[in-house]
């Protein structure tokens, strides 16, 4: 059986990456920090093993912002595309931004989290489980 290879990049193309293997479950986070950092109603993320993430180009074009103690967000310095976030408490994984994927992502979101603080202008139109905070 062939190994799954997922590919992604930032908006301007300066940063490109590959992920060996499958993506983790897709989670849609509606917390105010994710909304601010992405400029959208929610942030679609997938937990990925750090060892499986390989940058093909633009690693030096990444910038890191520690948004709260022990939590950081990594983005392209040129176009501002968010690529992933990290937590000191999870050193072996990153939360990949699904919108950066170039290869098809057949999976659907498995949960909406922090819906207690969702954008008031956003309404749900799916049957995906919803959680007021992190389950």
N, C-alpha and C. Protein backbone atom coordinates (compact mmCIF):
# COMPACT_ATOMS: atom_id res chain seq x y z
N UNK A 1 0.83 -1.17 0.00
CA UNK A 1 0.00 0.00 0.00
C UNK A 1 0.89 1.24 0.00
N UNK A 2 0.53 2.24 -0.82
CA UNK A 2 1.30 3.47 -0.90
C UNK A 2 1.09 4.31 0.35
N UNK A 3 2.14 5.00 0.73
CA UNK A 3 2.08 5.89 1.87
C UNK A 3 1.33 7.16 1.47
N UNK A 4 0.48 7.66 2.37
CA UNK A 4 -0.28 8.88 2.11
C UNK A 4 0.65 10.08 2.25
N UNK A 5 0.59 10.99 1.28
CA UNK A 5 1.39 12.20 1.34
C UNK A 5 0.44 13.38 1.15
N UNK A 6 0.32 14.21 2.16
CA UNK A 6 -0.48 15.42 2.09
C UNK A 6 0.45 16.60 1.88
N UNK A 7 0.01 17.54 1.05
CA UNK A 7 0.83 18.72 0.75
C UNK A 7 0.03 19.98 1.00
N UNK A 8 0.76 21.03 1.38
CA UNK A 8 0.12 22.31 1.62
C UNK A 8 1.09 23.45 1.40
N UNK A 9 0.54 24.67 1.43
CA UNK A 9 1.37 25.86 1.22
C UNK A 9 0.62 27.09 1.71
N UNK A 10 1.36 28.19 1.80
CA UNK A 10 0.75 29.46 2.17
C UNK A 10 0.15 30.12 0.92
N UNK A 11 -0.50 31.24 1.10
CA UNK A 11 -1.17 31.93 0.00
C UNK A 11 -0.20 32.38 -1.09
N UNK A 12 0.96 32.92 -0.69
CA UNK A 12 1.90 33.44 -1.70
C UNK A 12 2.81 32.35 -2.27
N UNK A 13 2.82 31.17 -1.67
CA UNK A 13 3.63 30.06 -2.17
C UNK A 13 5.05 30.02 -1.64
N UNK A 14 5.42 30.98 -0.80
CA UNK A 14 6.78 30.98 -0.25
C UNK A 14 7.02 29.78 0.66
N UNK A 15 5.99 29.38 1.39
CA UNK A 15 6.11 28.25 2.31
C UNK A 15 5.35 27.06 1.73
N UNK A 16 6.02 25.92 1.64
CA UNK A 16 5.34 24.69 1.22
C UNK A 16 5.80 23.57 2.14
N UNK A 17 4.91 22.61 2.33
CA UNK A 17 5.20 21.52 3.26
C UNK A 17 4.53 20.24 2.82
N UNK A 18 4.99 19.15 3.40
CA UNK A 18 4.39 17.83 3.20
C UNK A 18 4.15 17.20 4.56
N UNK A 19 3.16 16.34 4.60
CA UNK A 19 2.86 15.57 5.81
C UNK A 19 2.84 14.11 5.42
N UNK A 20 3.73 13.33 6.03
CA UNK A 20 3.75 11.89 5.80
C UNK A 20 2.61 11.27 6.59
N UNK A 21 1.66 10.68 5.91
CA UNK A 21 0.56 10.02 6.60
C UNK A 21 -0.72 10.83 6.58
N UNK A 22 -1.70 10.31 7.30
CA UNK A 22 -3.02 10.93 7.32
C UNK A 22 -3.08 12.09 8.28
N UNK A 23 -4.00 12.99 8.01
CA UNK A 23 -4.28 14.08 8.93
C UNK A 23 -5.11 13.54 10.09
N UNK A 24 -5.01 14.18 11.23
CA UNK A 24 -5.85 13.82 12.36
C UNK A 24 -7.26 14.35 12.15
N UNK A 25 -8.16 14.10 13.10
CA UNK A 25 -9.53 14.61 12.98
C UNK A 25 -9.53 16.13 12.83
N UNK A 26 -10.47 16.63 12.07
CA UNK A 26 -10.60 18.07 11.87
C UNK A 26 -11.51 18.64 12.96
N UNK A 27 -11.01 19.65 13.62
CA UNK A 27 -11.75 20.33 14.68
C UNK A 27 -11.95 21.78 14.27
N UNK A 28 -13.14 22.31 14.47
CA UNK A 28 -13.41 23.72 14.21
C UNK A 28 -13.48 24.45 15.55
N UNK A 29 -12.51 25.33 15.79
CA UNK A 29 -12.44 26.07 17.05
C UNK A 29 -13.05 27.45 16.87
N UNK A 30 -14.00 27.78 17.73
CA UNK A 30 -14.73 29.05 17.65
C UNK A 30 -14.31 30.03 18.74
N UNK A 31 -13.19 29.79 19.43
CA UNK A 31 -12.77 30.70 20.51
C UNK A 31 -12.39 32.06 19.93
N UNK A 32 -12.41 33.07 20.76
CA UNK A 32 -12.14 34.43 20.29
C UNK A 32 -10.71 34.58 19.78
N UNK A 33 -9.75 33.85 20.36
CA UNK A 33 -8.37 33.94 19.90
C UNK A 33 -8.23 33.40 18.48
N UNK A 34 -8.83 32.24 18.21
CA UNK A 34 -8.76 31.67 16.86
C UNK A 34 -9.46 32.57 15.84
N UNK A 35 -10.59 33.14 16.24
CA UNK A 35 -11.29 34.05 15.33
C UNK A 35 -10.42 35.25 14.99
N UNK A 36 -9.79 35.83 16.00
CA UNK A 36 -8.91 37.00 15.77
C UNK A 36 -7.70 36.64 14.91
N UNK A 37 -7.07 35.50 15.22
CA UNK A 37 -5.85 35.12 14.51
C UNK A 37 -6.10 34.72 13.06
N UNK A 38 -7.34 34.32 12.75
CA UNK A 38 -7.64 33.88 11.40
C UNK A 38 -8.59 34.80 10.64
N UNK A 39 -9.21 35.75 11.35
CA UNK A 39 -10.11 36.69 10.71
C UNK A 39 -11.37 36.03 10.17
N UNK A 40 -11.77 34.92 10.79
CA UNK A 40 -12.93 34.16 10.32
C UNK A 40 -13.80 33.74 11.50
N UNK A 41 -14.91 33.09 11.22
CA UNK A 41 -15.83 32.64 12.27
C UNK A 41 -15.24 31.52 13.11
N UNK A 42 -14.34 30.74 12.53
CA UNK A 42 -13.70 29.65 13.27
C UNK A 42 -12.42 29.25 12.58
N UNK A 43 -11.65 28.43 13.26
CA UNK A 43 -10.38 27.95 12.77
C UNK A 43 -10.47 26.44 12.59
N UNK A 44 -10.27 25.94 11.39
CA UNK A 44 -10.30 24.50 11.13
C UNK A 44 -8.88 23.95 11.25
N UNK A 45 -8.70 23.03 12.21
CA UNK A 45 -7.37 22.50 12.49
C UNK A 45 -7.37 20.98 12.50
N UNK A 46 -6.19 20.43 12.31
CA UNK A 46 -5.99 18.99 12.42
C UNK A 46 -4.70 18.75 13.18
N UNK A 47 -4.75 17.90 14.17
CA UNK A 47 -3.56 17.56 14.93
C UNK A 47 -2.67 16.66 14.06
N UNK A 48 -1.41 17.06 13.94
CA UNK A 48 -0.44 16.35 13.10
C UNK A 48 0.82 16.10 13.93
N UNK A 49 1.38 14.92 13.78
CA UNK A 49 2.65 14.63 14.46
C UNK A 49 3.72 15.56 13.89
N UNK A 50 4.46 16.21 14.78
CA UNK A 50 5.52 17.12 14.36
C UNK A 50 6.55 16.40 13.48
N UNK A 51 6.83 15.15 13.79
CA UNK A 51 7.81 14.37 13.03
C UNK A 51 7.33 14.10 11.60
N UNK A 52 6.01 14.17 11.37
CA UNK A 52 5.46 13.91 10.03
C UNK A 52 5.40 15.16 9.16
N UNK A 53 5.63 16.34 9.75
CA UNK A 53 5.57 17.61 9.02
C UNK A 53 6.95 17.98 8.52
N UNK A 54 7.07 18.15 7.20
CA UNK A 54 8.36 18.46 6.58
C UNK A 54 8.19 19.66 5.66
N UNK A 55 8.98 20.69 5.88
CA UNK A 55 8.91 21.89 5.04
C UNK A 55 9.78 21.69 3.81
N UNK A 56 9.17 21.88 2.65
CA UNK A 56 9.87 21.74 1.36
C UNK A 56 10.52 23.06 0.97
N UNK A 57 9.88 24.18 1.33
CA UNK A 57 10.44 25.50 1.04
C UNK A 57 9.88 26.50 2.05
N UNK A 58 10.63 27.57 2.23
CA UNK A 58 10.14 28.68 3.03
C UNK A 58 10.23 28.55 4.53
N UNK A 59 10.96 27.57 5.05
CA UNK A 59 11.06 27.43 6.50
C UNK A 59 11.57 28.73 7.13
N UNK A 60 12.53 29.37 6.47
CA UNK A 60 13.07 30.64 6.98
C UNK A 60 12.07 31.79 6.84
N UNK A 61 11.01 31.56 6.10
CA UNK A 61 9.98 32.60 5.91
C UNK A 61 8.87 32.49 6.95
N UNK A 62 9.00 31.54 7.87
CA UNK A 62 8.00 31.38 8.93
C UNK A 62 8.32 32.31 10.10
N UNK A 63 7.27 32.84 10.69
CA UNK A 63 7.40 33.64 11.89
C UNK A 63 6.55 33.03 12.98
N UNK A 64 6.98 33.18 14.22
CA UNK A 64 6.30 32.58 15.36
C UNK A 64 5.81 33.69 16.28
N UNK A 65 4.57 33.60 16.70
CA UNK A 65 4.00 34.56 17.66
C UNK A 65 3.46 33.78 18.85
N UNK A 66 4.00 34.05 20.03
CA UNK A 66 3.50 33.38 21.23
C UNK A 66 2.27 34.15 21.69
N UNK A 67 1.11 33.59 21.37
CA UNK A 67 -0.16 34.28 21.61
C UNK A 67 -0.60 34.25 23.07
N UNK A 68 -0.12 33.29 23.82
CA UNK A 68 -0.31 33.22 25.26
C UNK A 68 0.82 32.34 25.78
N UNK A 69 1.11 32.38 27.08
CA UNK A 69 2.24 31.59 27.58
C UNK A 69 2.14 30.11 27.20
N UNK A 70 3.18 29.63 26.50
CA UNK A 70 3.24 28.23 26.13
C UNK A 70 2.45 27.85 24.90
N UNK A 71 1.87 28.84 24.21
CA UNK A 71 1.08 28.59 23.00
C UNK A 71 1.53 29.57 21.92
N UNK A 72 1.85 29.03 20.75
CA UNK A 72 2.33 29.89 19.66
C UNK A 72 1.63 29.60 18.36
N UNK A 73 1.71 30.58 17.48
CA UNK A 73 1.11 30.47 16.15
C UNK A 73 2.18 30.80 15.13
N UNK A 74 2.27 29.98 14.11
CA UNK A 74 3.31 30.10 13.10
C UNK A 74 2.66 30.46 11.77
N UNK A 75 3.22 31.47 11.12
CA UNK A 75 2.63 31.99 9.89
C UNK A 75 3.70 32.44 8.91
N UNK A 76 3.31 32.62 7.65
CA UNK A 76 4.22 33.11 6.61
C UNK A 76 4.46 34.60 6.82
N UNK A 77 5.73 35.01 6.84
CA UNK A 77 6.08 36.41 7.03
C UNK A 77 5.67 37.28 5.84
N UNK A 78 5.56 36.69 4.66
CA UNK A 78 5.23 37.47 3.47
C UNK A 78 3.74 37.73 3.35
N UNK A 79 2.94 36.67 3.36
CA UNK A 79 1.50 36.84 3.11
C UNK A 79 0.64 36.75 4.37
N UNK A 80 1.21 36.31 5.47
CA UNK A 80 0.46 36.22 6.72
C UNK A 80 -0.37 34.97 6.89
N UNK A 81 -0.32 34.04 5.94
CA UNK A 81 -1.10 32.81 6.07
C UNK A 81 -0.73 32.06 7.34
N UNK A 82 -1.72 31.72 8.18
CA UNK A 82 -1.42 30.90 9.35
C UNK A 82 -1.15 29.47 8.89
N UNK A 83 -0.09 28.86 9.39
CA UNK A 83 0.29 27.50 8.97
C UNK A 83 -0.06 26.49 10.06
N UNK A 84 0.38 26.74 11.29
CA UNK A 84 0.06 25.84 12.39
C UNK A 84 0.21 26.58 13.72
N UNK A 85 -0.26 25.94 14.76
CA UNK A 85 -0.02 26.43 16.11
C UNK A 85 0.62 25.30 16.91
N UNK A 86 1.22 25.66 18.03
CA UNK A 86 1.90 24.68 18.88
C UNK A 86 1.60 24.97 20.35
N UNK A 87 1.78 23.96 21.16
CA UNK A 87 1.63 24.08 22.62
C UNK A 87 2.82 23.41 23.28
N UNK A 88 3.38 24.06 24.28
CA UNK A 88 4.49 23.44 25.01
C UNK A 88 4.07 22.13 25.65
N UNK A 89 2.79 22.02 26.00
CA UNK A 89 2.31 20.79 26.65
C UNK A 89 2.15 19.64 25.66
N UNK A 90 2.29 19.92 24.37
CA UNK A 90 2.18 18.89 23.33
C UNK A 90 3.38 19.02 22.39
N UNK A 91 4.59 18.74 22.85
CA UNK A 91 5.79 19.00 22.05
C UNK A 91 5.92 18.14 20.79
N UNK A 92 5.18 17.05 20.70
CA UNK A 92 5.32 16.15 19.54
C UNK A 92 4.26 16.37 18.47
N UNK A 93 3.42 17.40 18.63
CA UNK A 93 2.33 17.63 17.67
C UNK A 93 2.15 19.11 17.40
N UNK A 94 1.55 19.40 16.25
CA UNK A 94 1.16 20.76 15.90
C UNK A 94 -0.29 20.73 15.43
N UNK A 95 -0.94 21.87 15.48
CA UNK A 95 -2.32 22.00 14.99
C UNK A 95 -2.25 22.68 13.63
N UNK A 96 -2.31 21.88 12.60
CA UNK A 96 -2.19 22.36 11.23
C UNK A 96 -3.47 23.07 10.79
N UNK A 97 -3.35 24.19 10.12
CA UNK A 97 -4.49 24.92 9.57
C UNK A 97 -4.92 24.24 8.27
N UNK A 98 -6.11 23.67 8.27
CA UNK A 98 -6.59 22.86 7.15
C UNK A 98 -6.73 23.69 5.87
N UNK A 99 -7.00 24.96 6.00
CA UNK A 99 -7.13 25.82 4.82
C UNK A 99 -5.86 25.95 4.01
N UNK A 100 -4.73 25.51 4.54
CA UNK A 100 -3.47 25.60 3.81
C UNK A 100 -3.19 24.37 2.94
N UNK A 101 -4.06 23.37 3.03
CA UNK A 101 -3.82 22.13 2.29
C UNK A 101 -4.03 22.31 0.78
N UNK A 102 -3.12 21.76 0.00
CA UNK A 102 -3.23 21.76 -1.47
C UNK A 102 -3.79 20.43 -1.98
N UNK A 103 -3.54 19.35 -1.26
CA UNK A 103 -4.11 18.06 -1.64
C UNK A 103 -5.53 17.99 -1.08
N UNK A 104 -6.40 17.23 -1.72
CA UNK A 104 -7.79 17.12 -1.23
C UNK A 104 -7.85 16.59 0.20
N UNK A 105 -8.80 17.12 0.96
CA UNK A 105 -9.03 16.67 2.33
C UNK A 105 -10.43 16.08 2.36
N UNK A 106 -10.53 14.75 2.26
CA UNK A 106 -11.85 14.12 2.18
C UNK A 106 -12.62 14.11 3.51
N UNK A 107 -11.91 14.22 4.62
CA UNK A 107 -12.56 14.16 5.94
C UNK A 107 -13.39 15.42 6.18
N UNK A 108 -14.41 15.26 6.98
CA UNK A 108 -15.26 16.37 7.41
C UNK A 108 -14.94 16.68 8.86
N UNK A 109 -15.27 17.89 9.34
CA UNK A 109 -15.02 18.20 10.75
C UNK A 109 -15.69 17.20 11.68
N UNK A 110 -14.99 16.89 12.77
CA UNK A 110 -15.52 15.94 13.75
C UNK A 110 -16.11 16.64 14.96
N UNK A 111 -15.81 17.93 15.14
CA UNK A 111 -16.36 18.67 16.29
C UNK A 111 -16.21 20.17 16.10
N UNK A 112 -17.13 20.89 16.71
CA UNK A 112 -17.03 22.34 16.88
C UNK A 112 -16.75 22.55 18.36
N UNK A 113 -15.66 23.27 18.68
CA UNK A 113 -15.35 23.51 20.09
C UNK A 113 -15.40 25.00 20.41
N UNK A 114 -15.56 25.32 21.68
CA UNK A 114 -15.69 26.69 22.17
C UNK A 114 -16.85 27.42 21.52
N UNK A 115 -17.94 26.70 21.30
CA UNK A 115 -19.11 27.32 20.69
C UNK A 115 -19.80 28.31 21.63
N UNK A 116 -19.50 28.25 22.92
CA UNK A 116 -20.07 29.23 23.86
C UNK A 116 -19.57 30.64 23.56
N UNK A 117 -18.45 30.75 22.86
CA UNK A 117 -17.92 32.07 22.51
C UNK A 117 -17.87 32.28 20.99
N UNK A 118 -18.71 31.58 20.26
CA UNK A 118 -18.71 31.70 18.79
C UNK A 118 -19.13 33.10 18.35
N UNK A 119 -18.82 33.44 17.13
CA UNK A 119 -19.24 34.73 16.55
C UNK A 119 -20.76 34.76 16.48
N UNK A 120 -21.35 35.84 16.94
CA UNK A 120 -22.81 35.95 16.96
C UNK A 120 -23.42 35.94 15.56
N UNK A 121 -22.64 36.27 14.56
CA UNK A 121 -23.14 36.33 13.19
C UNK A 121 -23.02 34.99 12.44
N UNK A 122 -22.48 33.97 13.12
CA UNK A 122 -22.31 32.66 12.49
C UNK A 122 -23.36 31.69 13.01
N UNK A 123 -24.01 30.96 12.11
CA UNK A 123 -24.97 29.92 12.47
C UNK A 123 -24.47 28.58 11.96
N UNK A 124 -24.72 27.53 12.73
CA UNK A 124 -24.31 26.18 12.34
C UNK A 124 -25.32 25.61 11.35
N UNK A 125 -24.80 24.91 10.34
CA UNK A 125 -25.65 24.28 9.33
C UNK A 125 -25.22 22.84 9.09
N UNK A 126 -24.77 22.18 10.15
CA UNK A 126 -24.37 20.79 10.03
C UNK A 126 -24.73 20.05 11.32
N UNK A 127 -24.54 18.75 11.31
CA UNK A 127 -24.86 17.92 12.46
C UNK A 127 -23.62 17.56 13.29
N UNK A 128 -22.52 18.26 13.04
CA UNK A 128 -21.28 17.98 13.75
C UNK A 128 -21.46 18.29 15.23
N UNK A 129 -20.97 17.43 16.13
CA UNK A 129 -21.10 17.69 17.57
C UNK A 129 -20.52 19.05 17.96
N UNK A 130 -21.20 19.71 18.89
CA UNK A 130 -20.79 21.03 19.37
C UNK A 130 -20.50 20.96 20.87
N UNK A 131 -19.44 21.63 21.27
CA UNK A 131 -19.04 21.65 22.67
C UNK A 131 -18.85 23.10 23.12
N UNK A 132 -19.37 23.47 24.30
CA UNK A 132 -19.24 24.85 24.77
C UNK A 132 -17.78 25.28 24.93
N UNK A 133 -16.93 24.34 25.34
CA UNK A 133 -15.48 24.57 25.48
C UNK A 133 -14.75 23.39 24.87
N UNK A 134 -13.54 23.14 25.34
CA UNK A 134 -12.78 21.98 24.85
C UNK A 134 -13.33 20.73 25.55
N UNK A 135 -13.69 19.68 24.82
CA UNK A 135 -14.25 18.48 25.47
C UNK A 135 -13.21 17.75 26.30
